PDB file of N, CA and C in Angstrom:
ATOM      1  N   MET A   1     194.012 220.319 199.720  1.00  0.00           N
ATOM      2  CA  MET A   1     194.924 219.327 199.208  1.00  0.00           C
ATOM      3  C   MET A   1     194.609 219.103 197.728  1.00  0.00           C
ATOM      4  N   LYS A   2     195.602 219.315 196.856  1.00  0.00           N
ATOM      5  CA  LYS A   2     195.403 219.187 195.429  1.00  0.00           C
ATOM      6  C   LYS A   2     195.570 217.740 194.992  1.00  0.00           C
ATOM      7  N   VAL A   3     194.680 217.295 194.132  1.00  0.00           N
ATOM      8  CA  VAL A   3     194.722 215.934 193.601  1.00  0.00           C
ATOM      9  C   VAL A   3     195.297 215.998 192.187  1.00  0.00           C
ATOM     10  N   PHE A   4     196.357 215.226 191.939  1.00  0.00           N
ATOM     11  CA  PHE A   4     196.969 215.156 190.623  1.00  0.00           C
ATOM     12  C   PHE A   4     196.511 213.887 189.921  1.00  0.00           C
ATOM     13  N   THR A   5     196.462 213.930 188.600  1.00  0.00           N
ATOM     14  CA  THR A   5     196.119 212.768 187.797  1.00  0.00           C
ATOM     15  C   THR A   5     197.244 212.542 186.795  1.00  0.00           C
ATOM     16  N   GLY A   6     197.713 211.283 186.704  1.00  0.00           N
ATOM     17  CA  GLY A   6     198.794 210.981 185.777  1.00  0.00           C
ATOM     18  C   GLY A   6     198.788 209.535 185.361  1.00  0.00           C
ATOM     19  N   LYS A   7     199.725 209.191 184.490  1.00  0.00           N
ATOM     20  CA  LYS A   7     199.832 207.847 183.934  1.00  0.00           C
ATOM     21  C   LYS A   7     201.039 207.133 184.542  1.00  0.00           C
ATOM     22  N   VAL A   8     200.851 205.875 184.960  1.00  0.00           N
ATOM     23  CA  VAL A   8     201.932 205.088 185.547  1.00  0.00           C
ATOM     24  C   VAL A   8     202.878 204.671 184.423  1.00  0.00           C
ATOM     25  N   ILE A   9     204.184 204.978 184.600  1.00  0.00           N
ATOM     26  CA  ILE A   9     205.157 204.628 183.573  1.00  0.00           C
ATOM     27  C   ILE A   9     206.159 203.585 184.052  1.00  0.00           C
ATOM     28  N   SER A  10     206.221 203.328 185.374  1.00  0.00           N
ATOM     29  CA  SER A  10     207.152 202.330 185.891  1.00  0.00           C
ATOM     30  C   SER A  10     206.667 201.818 187.246  1.00  0.00           C
ATOM     31  N   ILE A  11     206.830 200.492 187.468  1.00  0.00           N
ATOM     32  CA  ILE A  11     206.510 199.890 188.773  1.00  0.00           C
ATOM     33  C   ILE A  11     207.652 198.978 189.207  1.00  0.00           C
ATOM     34  N   LYS A  12     208.892 199.363 188.909  1.00  0.00           N
ATOM     35  CA  LYS A  12     210.045 198.508 189.160  1.00  0.00           C
ATOM     36  C   LYS A  12     210.481 198.469 190.622  1.00  0.00           C
ATOM     37  N   MET A  13     210.011 199.419 191.439  1.00  0.00           N
ATOM     38  CA  MET A  13     210.370 199.434 192.854  1.00  0.00           C
ATOM     39  C   MET A  13     209.221 198.862 193.680  1.00  0.00           C
ATOM     40  N   ALA A  14     209.537 198.358 194.864  1.00  0.00           N
ATOM     41  CA  ALA A  14     208.519 197.770 195.733  1.00  0.00           C
ATOM     42  C   ALA A  14     207.596 198.851 196.286  1.00  0.00           C
ATOM     43  N   LYS A  15     206.279 198.681 196.102  1.00  0.00           N
ATOM     44  CA  LYS A  15     205.247 199.601 196.584  1.00  0.00           C
ATOM     45  C   LYS A  15     205.450 201.029 196.091  1.00  0.00           C
ATOM     46  N   THR A  16     206.083 201.183 194.932  1.00  0.00           N
ATOM     47  CA  THR A  16     206.322 202.501 194.360  1.00  0.00           C
ATOM     48  C   THR A  16     205.926 202.492 192.898  1.00  0.00           C
ATOM     49  N   ALA A  17     205.197 203.515 192.484  1.00  0.00           N
ATOM     50  CA  ALA A  17     204.856 203.698 191.077  1.00  0.00           C
ATOM     51  C   ALA A  17     205.380 205.057 190.635  1.00  0.00           C
ATOM     52  N   THR A  18     206.050 205.086 189.492  1.00  0.00           N
ATOM     53  CA  THR A  18     206.481 206.350 188.921  1.00  0.00           C
ATOM     54  C   THR A  18     205.365 206.833 188.009  1.00  0.00           C
ATOM     55  N   VAL A  19     204.849 208.024 188.304  1.00  0.00           N
ATOM     56  CA  VAL A  19     203.700 208.564 187.585  1.00  0.00           C
ATOM     57  C   VAL A  19     204.130 209.813 186.829  1.00  0.00           C
ATOM     58  N   GLU A  20     203.717 209.890 185.559  1.00  0.00           N
ATOM     59  CA  GLU A  20     204.036 211.039 184.734  1.00  0.00           C
ATOM     60  C   GLU A  20     202.789 211.906 184.573  1.00  0.00           C
ATOM     61  N   VAL A  21     202.923 213.193 184.900  1.00  0.00           N
ATOM     62  CA  VAL A  21     201.830 214.141 184.777  1.00  0.00           C
ATOM     63  C   VAL A  21     202.138 215.068 183.602  1.00  0.00           C
ATOM     64  N   VAL A  22     201.183 215.173 182.677  1.00  0.00           N
ATOM     65  CA  VAL A  22     201.334 216.020 181.495  1.00  0.00           C
ATOM     66  C   VAL A  22     200.403 217.217 181.638  1.00  0.00           C
ATOM     67  N   ARG A  23     200.926 218.423 181.380  1.00  0.00           N
ATOM     68  CA  ARG A  23     200.095 219.617 181.425  1.00  0.00           C
ATOM     69  C   ARG A  23     200.444 220.494 180.236  1.00  0.00           C
ATOM     70  N   ASN A  24     199.484 221.258 179.777  1.00  0.00           N
ATOM     71  CA  ASN A  24     199.683 222.179 178.669  1.00  0.00           C
ATOM     72  C   ASN A  24     199.745 223.596 179.209  1.00  0.00           C
ATOM     73  N   VAL A  25     200.801 224.321 178.838  1.00  0.00           N
ATOM     74  CA  VAL A  25     200.961 225.712 179.270  1.00  0.00           C
ATOM     75  C   VAL A  25     201.120 226.592 178.030  1.00  0.00           C
ATOM     76  N   ALA A  26     200.736 227.831 178.157  1.00  0.00           N
ATOM     77  CA  ALA A  26     200.885 228.778 177.053  1.00  0.00           C
ATOM     78  C   ALA A  26     202.281 229.393 177.082  1.00  0.00           C
ATOM     79  N   HIS A  27     202.895 229.534 175.919  1.00  0.00           N
ATOM     80  CA  HIS A  27     204.183 230.214 175.820  1.00  0.00           C
ATOM     81  C   HIS A  27     203.997 231.670 176.247  1.00  0.00           C
ATOM     82  N   PRO A  28     204.903 232.210 177.068  1.00  0.00           N
ATOM     83  CA  PRO A  28     204.688 233.552 177.618  1.00  0.00           C
ATOM     84  C   PRO A  28     204.599 234.661 176.570  1.00  0.00           C
ATOM     85  N   ILE A  29     205.259 234.510 175.425  1.00  0.00           N
ATOM     86  CA  ILE A  29     205.231 235.560 174.411  1.00  0.00           C
ATOM     87  C   ILE A  29     204.290 235.208 173.259  1.00  0.00           C
ATOM     88  N   TYR A  30     204.435 233.996 172.714  1.00  0.00           N
ATOM     89  CA  TYR A  30     203.715 233.640 171.493  1.00  0.00           C
ATOM     90  C   TYR A  30     202.332 233.047 171.749  1.00  0.00           C
ATOM     91  N   GLY A  31     202.081 232.547 172.933  1.00  0.00           N
ATOM     92  CA  GLY A  31     200.767 232.021 173.256  1.00  0.00           C
ATOM     93  C   GLY A  31     200.514 230.602 172.792  1.00  0.00           C
ATOM     94  N   LYS A  32     201.473 229.987 172.076  1.00  0.00           N
ATOM     95  CA  LYS A  32     201.295 228.615 171.614  1.00  0.00           C
ATOM     96  C   LYS A  32     201.294 227.670 172.807  1.00  0.00           C
ATOM     97  N   ARG A  33     200.431 226.660 172.757  1.00  0.00           N
ATOM     98  CA  ARG A  33     200.348 225.688 173.843  1.00  0.00           C
ATOM     99  C   ARG A  33     201.528 224.723 173.759  1.00  0.00           C
ATOM    100  N   ILE A  34     202.215 224.518 174.897  1.00  0.00           N
ATOM    101  CA  ILE A  34     203.383 223.646 174.977  1.00  0.00           C
ATOM    102  C   ILE A  34     203.101 222.552 175.989  1.00  0.00           C
ATOM    103  N   LYS A  35     203.497 221.324 175.674  1.00  0.00           N
ATOM    104  CA  LYS A  35     203.293 220.191 176.568  1.00  0.00           C
ATOM    105  C   LYS A  35     204.467 220.109 177.551  1.00  0.00           C
ATOM    106  N   ARG A  36     204.187 220.088 178.838  1.00  0.00           N
ATOM    107  CA  ARG A  36     205.199 219.954 179.890  1.00  0.00           C
ATOM    108  C   ARG A  36     204.908 218.684 180.683  1.00  0.00           C
ATOM    109  N   THR A  37     205.947 217.913 181.003  1.00  0.00           N
ATOM    110  CA  THR A  37     205.765 216.681 181.768  1.00  0.00           C
ATOM    111  C   THR A  37     206.620 216.725 183.018  1.00  0.00           C
ATOM    112  N   LYS A  38     206.167 216.021 184.057  1.00  0.00           N
ATOM    113  CA  LYS A  38     206.920 215.885 185.293  1.00  0.00           C
ATOM    114  C   LYS A  38     206.645 214.510 185.865  1.00  0.00           C
ATOM    115  N   LYS A  39     207.668 213.892 186.448  1.00  0.00           N
ATOM    116  CA  LYS A  39     207.535 212.559 187.029  1.00  0.00           C
ATOM    117  C   LYS A  39     207.512 212.645 188.549  1.00  0.00           C
ATOM    118  N   TYR A  40     206.668 211.819 189.156  1.00  0.00           N
ATOM    119  CA  TYR A  40     206.551 211.752 190.604  1.00  0.00           C
ATOM    120  C   TYR A  40     206.705 210.298 191.048  1.00  0.00           C
ATOM    121  N   HIS A  41     207.450 210.073 192.138  1.00  0.00           N
ATOM    122  CA  HIS A  41     207.505 208.759 192.771  1.00  0.00           C
ATOM    123  C   HIS A  41     206.384 208.715 193.797  1.00  0.00           C
ATOM    124  N   THR A  42     205.442 207.788 193.631  1.00  0.00           N
ATOM    125  CA  THR A  42     204.274 207.723 194.509  1.00  0.00           C
ATOM    126  C   THR A  42     204.245 206.406 195.256  1.00  0.00           C
ATOM    127  N   HIS A  43     203.739 206.442 196.484  1.00  0.00           N
ATOM    128  CA  HIS A  43     203.558 205.238 197.294  1.00  0.00           C
ATOM    129  C   HIS A  43     202.276 204.553 196.829  1.00  0.00           C
ATOM    130  N   ASP A  44     202.396 203.287 196.420  1.00  0.00           N
ATOM    131  CA  ASP A  44     201.276 202.586 195.791  1.00  0.00           C
ATOM    132  C   ASP A  44     200.922 201.330 196.577  1.00  0.00           C
ATOM    133  N   GLU A  45     199.851 201.406 197.362  1.00  0.00           N
ATOM    134  CA  GLU A  45     199.334 200.234 198.086  1.00  0.00           C
ATOM    135  C   GLU A  45     198.254 199.525 197.281  1.00  0.00           C
ATOM    136  N   LEU A  46     197.749 200.165 196.218  1.00  0.00           N
ATOM    137  CA  LEU A  46     196.619 199.628 195.464  1.00  0.00           C
ATOM    138  C   LEU A  46     197.035 198.671 194.350  1.00  0.00           C
ATOM    139  N   GLY A  47     198.299 198.670 193.962  1.00  0.00           N
ATOM    140  CA  GLY A  47     198.779 197.744 192.934  1.00  0.00           C
ATOM    141  C   GLY A  47     198.495 198.199 191.512  1.00  0.00           C
ATOM    142  N   ALA A  48     198.848 199.419 191.187  1.00  0.00           N
ATOM    143  CA  ALA A  48     198.645 199.938 189.830  1.00  0.00           C
ATOM    144  C   ALA A  48     199.623 199.269 188.867  1.00  0.00           C
ATOM    145  N   LYS A  49     199.209 199.137 187.624  1.00  0.00           N
ATOM    146  CA  LYS A  49     200.038 198.553 186.576  1.00  0.00           C
ATOM    147  C   LYS A  49     200.505 199.649 185.629  1.00  0.00           C
ATOM    148  N   VAL A  50     201.524 199.334 184.833  1.00  0.00           N
ATOM    149  CA  VAL A  50     202.037 200.290 183.859  1.00  0.00           C
ATOM    150  C   VAL A  50     200.944 200.592 182.840  1.00  0.00           C
ATOM    151  N   GLY A  51     200.710 201.863 182.590  1.00  0.00           N
ATOM    152  CA  GLY A  51     199.682 202.291 181.650  1.00  0.00           C
ATOM    153  C   GLY A  51     198.394 202.731 182.311  1.00  0.00           C
ATOM    154  N   ASN A  52     198.205 202.409 183.596  1.00  0.00           N
ATOM    155  CA  ASN A  52     196.999 202.838 184.309  1.00  0.00           C
ATOM    156  C   ASN A  52     197.042 204.343 184.565  1.00  0.00           C
ATOM    157  N   THR A  53     195.877 204.946 184.625  1.00  0.00           N
ATOM    158  CA  THR A  53     195.752 206.341 185.035  1.00  0.00           C
ATOM    159  C   THR A  53     195.370 206.352 186.505  1.00  0.00           C
ATOM    160  N   VAL A  54     196.110 207.119 187.318  1.00  0.00           N
ATOM    161  CA  VAL A  54     195.885 207.138 188.761  1.00  0.00           C
ATOM    162  C   VAL A  54     195.728 208.562 189.266  1.00  0.00           C
ATOM    163  N   LYS A  55     195.078 208.700 190.418  1.00  0.00           N
ATOM    164  CA  LYS A  55     194.993 209.970 191.139  1.00  0.00           C
ATOM    165  C   LYS A  55     195.873 209.850 192.368  1.00  0.00           C
ATOM    166  N   PHE A  56     196.622 210.924 192.686  1.00  0.00           N
ATOM    167  CA  PHE A  56     197.488 210.893 193.860  1.00  0.00           C
ATOM    168  C   PHE A  56     197.546 212.256 194.518  1.00  0.00           C
ATOM    169  N   VAL A  57     197.868 212.241 195.824  1.00  0.00           N
ATOM    170  CA  VAL A  57     197.928 213.461 196.625  1.00  0.00           C
ATOM    171  C   VAL A  57     199.224 213.476 197.432  1.00  0.00           C
ATOM    172  N   ALA A  58     199.544 214.630 197.986  1.00  0.00           N
ATOM    173  CA  ALA A  58     200.720 214.765 198.838  1.00  0.00           C
ATOM    174  C   ALA A  58     200.463 214.090 200.182  1.00  0.00           C
ATOM    175  N   CYS A  59     201.524 213.539 200.782  1.00  0.00           N
ATOM    176  CA  CYS A  59     201.428 212.917 202.103  1.00  0.00           C
ATOM    177  C   CYS A  59     202.752 213.157 202.829  1.00  0.00           C
ATOM    178  N   ARG A  60     202.866 212.586 204.013  1.00  0.00           N
ATOM    179  CA  ARG A  60     204.133 212.708 204.742  1.00  0.00           C
ATOM    180  C   ARG A  60     205.227 211.979 203.963  1.00  0.00           C
ATOM    181  N   PRO A  61     206.489 212.360 204.100  1.00  0.00           N
ATOM    182  CA  PRO A  61     207.554 211.671 203.366  1.00  0.00           C
ATOM    183  C   PRO A  61     207.660 210.207 203.779  1.00  0.00           C
ATOM    184  N   VAL A  62     207.570 209.319 202.789  1.00  0.00           N
ATOM    185  CA  VAL A  62     207.708 207.883 203.026  1.00  0.00           C
ATOM    186  C   VAL A  62     209.173 207.489 202.867  1.00  0.00           C
ATOM    187  N   SER A  63     209.865 208.130 201.942  1.00  0.00           N
ATOM    188  CA  SER A  63     211.292 207.919 201.734  1.00  0.00           C
ATOM    189  C   SER A  63     211.884 209.219 201.179  1.00  0.00           C
ATOM    190  N   LYS A  64     213.119 209.151 200.702  1.00  0.00           N
ATOM    191  CA  LYS A  64     213.785 210.354 200.210  1.00  0.00           C
ATOM    192  C   LYS A  64     213.021 211.009 199.058  1.00  0.00           C
ATOM    193  N   LEU A  65     212.518 210.211 198.131  1.00  0.00           N
ATOM    194  CA  LEU A  65     211.840 210.750 196.956  1.00  0.00           C
ATOM    195  C   LEU A  65     210.327 210.626 196.997  1.00  0.00           C
ATOM    196  N   LYS A  66     209.787 209.732 197.827  1.00  0.00           N
ATOM    197  CA  LYS A  66     208.347 209.485 197.845  1.00  0.00           C
ATOM    198  C   LYS A  66     207.639 210.392 198.846  1.00  0.00           C
ATOM    199  N   LYS A  67     206.915 211.366 198.311  1.00  0.00           N
ATOM    200  CA  LYS A  67     206.130 212.282 199.142  1.00  0.00           C
ATOM    201  C   LYS A  67     204.701 212.360 198.641  1.00  0.00           C
ATOM    202  N   TRP A  68     204.297 211.363 197.842  1.00  0.00           N
ATOM    203  CA  TRP A  68     202.980 211.312 197.223  1.00  0.00           C
ATOM    204  C   TRP A  68     202.385 209.935 197.442  1.00  0.00           C
ATOM    205  N   LYS A  69     201.047 209.844 197.481  1.00  0.00           N
ATOM    206  CA  LYS A  69     200.363 208.582 197.731  1.00  0.00           C
ATOM    207  C   LYS A  69     199.233 208.402 196.723  1.00  0.00           C
ATOM    208  N   VAL A  70     199.166 207.219 196.098  1.00  0.00           N
ATOM    209  CA  VAL A  70     198.092 206.907 195.151  1.00  0.00           C
ATOM    210  C   VAL A  70     196.806 206.690 195.941  1.00  0.00           C
ATOM    211  N   ILE A  71     195.733 207.387 195.541  1.00  0.00           N
ATOM    212  CA  ILE A  71     194.461 207.243 196.252  1.00  0.00           C
ATOM    213  C   ILE A  71     193.417 206.495 195.427  1.00  0.00           C
ATOM    214  N   GLU A  72     193.595 206.459 194.097  1.00  0.00           N
ATOM    215  CA  GLU A  72     192.581 205.816 193.257  1.00  0.00           C
ATOM    216  C   GLU A  72     193.178 205.455 191.899  1.00  0.00           C
ATOM    217  N   ILE A  73     192.806 204.278 191.398  1.00  0.00           N
ATOM    218  CA  ILE A  73     193.142 203.888 190.038  1.00  0.00           C
ATOM    219  C   ILE A  73     191.935 204.245 189.176  1.00  0.00           C
ATOM    220  N   VAL A  74     192.112 205.225 188.286  1.00  0.00           N
ATOM    221  CA  VAL A  74     190.982 205.771 187.519  1.00  0.00           C
ATOM    222  C   VAL A  74     190.701 204.921 186.291  1.00  0.00           C
ATOM    223  N   GLY A  75     191.711 204.678 185.491  1.00  0.00           N
ATOM    224  CA  GLY A  75     191.501 203.934 184.243  1.00  0.00           C
ATOM    225  C   GLY A  75     192.534 202.857 184.068  1.00  0.00           C
ATOM    226  N   ALA A  76     192.112 201.738 183.519  1.00  0.00           N
ATOM    227  CA  ALA A  76     193.028 200.638 183.247  1.00  0.00           C
ATOM    228  C   ALA A  76     193.557 200.754 181.832  1.00  0.00           C
ATOM    229  N   LYS A  77     194.711 200.148 181.604  1.00  0.00           N
ATOM    230  CA  LYS A  77     195.326 200.150 180.294  1.00  0.00           C
ATOM    231  C   LYS A  77     194.452 199.373 179.324  1.00  0.00           C
ATOM    232  N   LYS A  78     194.298 199.883 178.118  1.00  0.00           N
ATOM    233  CA  LYS A  78     193.504 199.213 177.094  1.00  0.00           C
ATOM    234  C   LYS A  78     194.380 198.145 176.430  1.00  0.00           C
ATOM    235  N   GLY A  79     193.943 196.898 176.476  1.00  0.00           N
ATOM    236  CA  GLY A  79     194.702 195.799 175.873  1.00  0.00           C
ATOM    237  C   GLY A  79     194.189 195.453 174.496  1.00  0.00           C
ATOM    238  N   LYS A  80     195.019 194.712 173.747  1.00  0.00           N
ATOM    239  CA  LYS A  80     194.602 194.263 172.406  1.00  0.00           C
ATOM    240  C   LYS A  80     193.652 193.090 172.527  1.00  0.00           C
ATOM    241  N   LYS A  81     192.675 193.013 171.621  1.00  0.00           N
ATOM    242  CA  LYS A  81     191.720 191.913 171.628  1.00  0.00           C
ATOM    243  C   LYS A  81     191.929 191.034 170.437  1.00  0.00           C
TER     244      LYS A  81
END
């Protein structure tokens, strides 16, 4: 089971966090590194906030779009002091 790590970008739905995963891939011809992003709807029982970094894994389908579950909140958002 692969564990993904991403940043929470939205918590507007009940018990759902939208997580954005960023990865760098090499261009097939030129070799330049390109940033690729993908969004996942994850089931969130832990109460992550926008800006938190979370780890999530695949699970049984909870709804039409939610097939992922948050397992750990890794980092909290850095606030201004």
